């Protein structure tokens, strides 16, 4: 494990200390969990943006979704929602 020093504004530091005390947990543990969750979310957003760019670039091309397959999947989703 490595150490990373992050200067925090007083209000953020105080809030972190309050939360750590309220949860009876070390502040470093809370920060590690928050940072890990943020990194996962950033990766999810990057992947979603890449998929969106790809879909926009390939719309109407041979790599686009087959219209019959798309219609069938939409029908399936509506049928699943009504159950």
N, C-alpha and C. Protein backbone atom coordinates (compact mmCIF):
# COMPACT_ATOMS: atom_id res chain seq x y z
N UNK A 1 0.85 -1.17 0.00
CA UNK A 1 0.00 0.00 0.00
C UNK A 1 0.90 1.24 0.00
N UNK A 2 0.46 2.27 -0.70
CA UNK A 2 1.22 3.52 -0.78
C UNK A 2 0.46 4.63 -0.08
N UNK A 3 1.20 5.64 0.30
CA UNK A 3 0.62 6.81 0.95
C UNK A 3 0.54 7.94 -0.07
N UNK A 4 -0.57 8.67 -0.02
CA UNK A 4 -0.79 9.80 -0.92
C UNK A 4 -1.29 10.96 -0.07
N UNK A 5 -0.55 12.03 -0.04
CA UNK A 5 -0.90 13.19 0.80
C UNK A 5 -1.81 14.12 0.00
N UNK A 6 -2.98 14.43 0.57
CA UNK A 6 -3.94 15.32 -0.09
C UNK A 6 -4.32 16.44 0.88
N UNK A 7 -3.85 17.64 0.63
CA UNK A 7 -4.29 18.77 1.46
C UNK A 7 -5.79 19.01 1.26
N UNK A 8 -6.52 19.19 2.34
CA UNK A 8 -7.96 19.41 2.27
C UNK A 8 -8.32 20.77 2.85
N UNK A 9 -9.31 21.43 2.26
CA UNK A 9 -9.81 22.66 2.88
C UNK A 9 -10.38 22.31 4.27
N UNK A 10 -10.38 23.27 5.16
CA UNK A 10 -10.83 23.02 6.53
C UNK A 10 -12.22 22.40 6.60
N UNK A 11 -13.16 22.92 5.80
CA UNK A 11 -14.54 22.40 5.88
C UNK A 11 -14.62 20.94 5.44
N UNK A 12 -13.85 20.57 4.43
CA UNK A 12 -13.85 19.18 3.98
C UNK A 12 -13.19 18.28 5.01
N UNK A 13 -12.09 18.74 5.57
CA UNK A 13 -11.39 17.98 6.60
C UNK A 13 -12.29 17.79 7.83
N UNK A 14 -12.95 18.86 8.25
CA UNK A 14 -13.84 18.77 9.42
C UNK A 14 -15.00 17.81 9.15
N UNK A 15 -15.58 17.89 7.97
CA UNK A 15 -16.68 16.98 7.63
C UNK A 15 -16.24 15.53 7.61
N UNK A 16 -15.06 15.29 7.06
CA UNK A 16 -14.52 13.93 7.03
C UNK A 16 -14.30 13.42 8.45
N UNK A 17 -13.71 14.23 9.30
CA UNK A 17 -13.48 13.84 10.70
C UNK A 17 -14.79 13.55 11.42
N UNK A 18 -15.81 14.38 11.18
CA UNK A 18 -17.12 14.14 11.81
C UNK A 18 -17.70 12.80 11.37
N UNK A 19 -17.65 12.54 10.06
CA UNK A 19 -18.17 11.27 9.54
C UNK A 19 -17.40 10.08 10.09
N UNK A 20 -16.10 10.21 10.16
CA UNK A 20 -15.27 9.13 10.69
C UNK A 20 -15.63 8.85 12.14
N UNK A 21 -15.81 9.90 12.92
CA UNK A 21 -16.18 9.72 14.32
C UNK A 21 -17.58 9.12 14.45
N UNK A 22 -18.51 9.60 13.63
CA UNK A 22 -19.88 9.09 13.68
C UNK A 22 -19.95 7.61 13.31
N UNK A 23 -19.12 7.19 12.35
CA UNK A 23 -19.11 5.79 11.91
C UNK A 23 -18.12 4.95 12.71
N UNK A 24 -17.37 5.59 13.60
CA UNK A 24 -16.33 4.91 14.38
C UNK A 24 -15.39 4.16 13.45
N UNK A 25 -14.94 4.88 12.42
CA UNK A 25 -14.02 4.32 11.43
C UNK A 25 -12.91 5.31 11.16
N UNK A 26 -11.76 4.83 10.73
CA UNK A 26 -10.69 5.76 10.38
C UNK A 26 -11.07 6.59 9.15
N UNK A 27 -10.70 7.85 9.17
CA UNK A 27 -10.97 8.73 8.03
C UNK A 27 -10.31 8.19 6.77
N UNK A 28 -9.13 7.60 6.89
CA UNK A 28 -8.45 7.07 5.71
C UNK A 28 -9.26 5.96 5.05
N UNK A 29 -9.95 5.17 5.84
CA UNK A 29 -10.79 4.10 5.28
C UNK A 29 -11.95 4.69 4.49
N UNK A 30 -12.55 5.72 5.03
CA UNK A 30 -13.67 6.38 4.34
C UNK A 30 -13.20 7.00 3.03
N UNK A 31 -12.05 7.66 3.07
CA UNK A 31 -11.50 8.27 1.85
C UNK A 31 -11.17 7.22 0.82
N UNK A 32 -10.55 6.10 1.24
CA UNK A 32 -10.23 5.02 0.29
C UNK A 32 -11.49 4.50 -0.39
N UNK A 33 -12.55 4.26 0.40
CA UNK A 33 -13.81 3.77 -0.17
C UNK A 33 -14.43 4.79 -1.13
N UNK A 34 -14.42 6.05 -0.74
CA UNK A 34 -15.00 7.10 -1.59
C UNK A 34 -14.23 7.22 -2.89
N UNK A 35 -12.91 7.18 -2.80
CA UNK A 35 -12.08 7.28 -4.00
C UNK A 35 -12.27 6.08 -4.91
N UNK A 36 -12.34 4.89 -4.33
CA UNK A 36 -12.56 3.68 -5.13
C UNK A 36 -13.91 3.75 -5.85
N UNK A 37 -14.94 4.19 -5.15
CA UNK A 37 -16.27 4.31 -5.77
C UNK A 37 -16.25 5.36 -6.88
N UNK A 38 -15.55 6.47 -6.67
CA UNK A 38 -15.46 7.52 -7.69
C UNK A 38 -14.75 7.00 -8.93
N UNK A 39 -13.66 6.24 -8.73
CA UNK A 39 -12.93 5.70 -9.88
C UNK A 39 -13.78 4.71 -10.67
N UNK A 40 -14.55 3.88 -9.99
CA UNK A 40 -15.44 2.95 -10.68
C UNK A 40 -16.48 3.72 -11.48
N UNK A 41 -17.06 4.75 -10.89
CA UNK A 41 -18.06 5.56 -11.59
C UNK A 41 -17.45 6.27 -12.80
N UNK A 42 -16.25 6.80 -12.67
CA UNK A 42 -15.58 7.46 -13.80
C UNK A 42 -15.35 6.48 -14.94
N UNK A 43 -14.94 5.27 -14.62
CA UNK A 43 -14.72 4.25 -15.65
C UNK A 43 -16.04 3.88 -16.33
N UNK A 44 -17.12 3.78 -15.54
CA UNK A 44 -18.43 3.48 -16.10
C UNK A 44 -18.86 4.59 -17.05
N UNK A 45 -18.65 5.84 -16.65
CA UNK A 45 -19.01 6.96 -17.52
C UNK A 45 -18.18 6.98 -18.80
N UNK A 46 -16.89 6.71 -18.68
CA UNK A 46 -16.03 6.69 -19.88
C UNK A 46 -16.48 5.60 -20.85
N UNK A 47 -16.82 4.44 -20.32
CA UNK A 47 -17.29 3.35 -21.17
C UNK A 47 -18.61 3.71 -21.84
N UNK A 48 -19.52 4.29 -21.09
CA UNK A 48 -20.81 4.70 -21.66
C UNK A 48 -20.61 5.75 -22.75
N UNK A 49 -19.70 6.68 -22.53
CA UNK A 49 -19.42 7.70 -23.55
C UNK A 49 -18.79 7.09 -24.79
N UNK A 50 -17.90 6.11 -24.61
CA UNK A 50 -17.27 5.45 -25.75
C UNK A 50 -18.31 4.68 -26.55
N UNK A 51 -19.22 4.01 -25.87
CA UNK A 51 -20.29 3.27 -26.55
C UNK A 51 -21.18 4.24 -27.31
N UNK A 52 -21.49 5.37 -26.68
CA UNK A 52 -22.34 6.38 -27.32
C UNK A 52 -21.67 6.93 -28.58
N UNK A 53 -20.37 7.23 -28.50
CA UNK A 53 -19.64 7.73 -29.67
C UNK A 53 -19.63 6.69 -30.79
N UNK A 54 -19.37 5.44 -30.43
CA UNK A 54 -19.34 4.36 -31.41
C UNK A 54 -20.71 4.20 -32.07
N UNK A 55 -21.76 4.20 -31.27
CA UNK A 55 -23.11 4.03 -31.81
C UNK A 55 -23.46 5.17 -32.76
N UNK A 56 -23.09 6.39 -32.40
CA UNK A 56 -23.38 7.54 -33.27
C UNK A 56 -22.58 7.45 -34.56
N UNK A 57 -21.33 7.01 -34.46
CA UNK A 57 -20.48 6.93 -35.65
C UNK A 57 -20.93 5.82 -36.60
N UNK A 58 -21.47 4.74 -36.05
CA UNK A 58 -21.84 3.59 -36.87
C UNK A 58 -23.32 3.54 -37.23
N UNK A 59 -24.09 4.52 -36.79
CA UNK A 59 -25.53 4.54 -37.09
C UNK A 59 -25.75 4.49 -38.59
N UNK A 60 -26.57 3.55 -39.01
CA UNK A 60 -26.88 3.41 -40.42
C UNK A 60 -25.87 2.60 -41.20
N UNK A 61 -24.79 2.19 -40.57
CA UNK A 61 -23.77 1.39 -41.27
C UNK A 61 -24.08 -0.10 -41.11
N UNK A 62 -23.22 -0.92 -41.65
CA UNK A 62 -23.38 -2.38 -41.54
C UNK A 62 -23.24 -2.83 -40.09
N UNK A 63 -22.63 -2.01 -39.24
CA UNK A 63 -22.46 -2.37 -37.83
C UNK A 63 -23.62 -1.93 -36.95
N UNK A 64 -24.59 -1.24 -37.53
CA UNK A 64 -25.76 -0.79 -36.79
C UNK A 64 -26.63 -2.01 -36.46
N UNK A 65 -27.50 -1.86 -35.47
CA UNK A 65 -28.39 -2.94 -35.08
C UNK A 65 -29.38 -3.23 -36.21
N UNK A 66 -29.59 -4.50 -36.48
CA UNK A 66 -30.57 -4.91 -37.48
C UNK A 66 -31.95 -4.40 -37.06
N UNK A 67 -32.69 -3.72 -37.95
CA UNK A 67 -33.99 -3.15 -37.58
C UNK A 67 -34.99 -4.18 -37.04
N UNK A 68 -35.00 -5.38 -37.63
CA UNK A 68 -35.93 -6.42 -37.14
C UNK A 68 -35.55 -6.88 -35.74
N UNK A 69 -34.26 -7.04 -35.50
CA UNK A 69 -33.79 -7.44 -34.18
C UNK A 69 -34.09 -6.35 -33.16
N UNK A 70 -33.89 -5.10 -33.54
CA UNK A 70 -34.17 -3.99 -32.63
C UNK A 70 -35.66 -3.95 -32.28
N UNK A 71 -36.52 -4.11 -33.27
CA UNK A 71 -37.97 -4.10 -33.02
C UNK A 71 -38.37 -5.25 -32.10
N UNK A 72 -37.79 -6.42 -32.32
CA UNK A 72 -38.11 -7.56 -31.47
C UNK A 72 -37.66 -7.33 -30.03
N UNK A 73 -36.51 -6.70 -29.86
CA UNK A 73 -36.02 -6.46 -28.50
C UNK A 73 -36.89 -5.42 -27.79
N UNK A 74 -37.35 -4.41 -28.52
CA UNK A 74 -38.22 -3.40 -27.93
C UNK A 74 -39.54 -4.05 -27.52
N UNK A 75 -40.09 -4.88 -28.37
CA UNK A 75 -41.32 -5.59 -28.01
C UNK A 75 -41.11 -6.45 -26.78
N UNK A 76 -39.98 -7.12 -26.69
CA UNK A 76 -39.68 -7.96 -25.54
C UNK A 76 -39.60 -7.12 -24.26
N UNK A 77 -38.94 -5.96 -24.34
CA UNK A 77 -38.82 -5.10 -23.17
C UNK A 77 -40.17 -4.57 -22.70
N UNK A 78 -41.03 -4.18 -23.65
CA UNK A 78 -42.36 -3.71 -23.28
C UNK A 78 -43.18 -4.84 -22.67
N UNK A 79 -43.05 -6.03 -23.21
CA UNK A 79 -43.78 -7.18 -22.66
C UNK A 79 -43.28 -7.50 -21.24
N UNK A 80 -41.99 -7.40 -21.01
CA UNK A 80 -41.42 -7.68 -19.69
C UNK A 80 -41.88 -6.62 -18.69
N UNK A 81 -41.99 -5.36 -19.12
CA UNK A 81 -42.43 -4.29 -18.23
C UNK A 81 -43.89 -4.46 -17.80
N UNK A 82 -44.71 -5.03 -18.67
CA UNK A 82 -46.14 -5.15 -18.37
C UNK A 82 -46.45 -6.36 -17.47
N UNK A 83 -45.44 -7.16 -17.19
CA UNK A 83 -45.68 -8.34 -16.33
C UNK A 83 -45.58 -8.01 -14.87
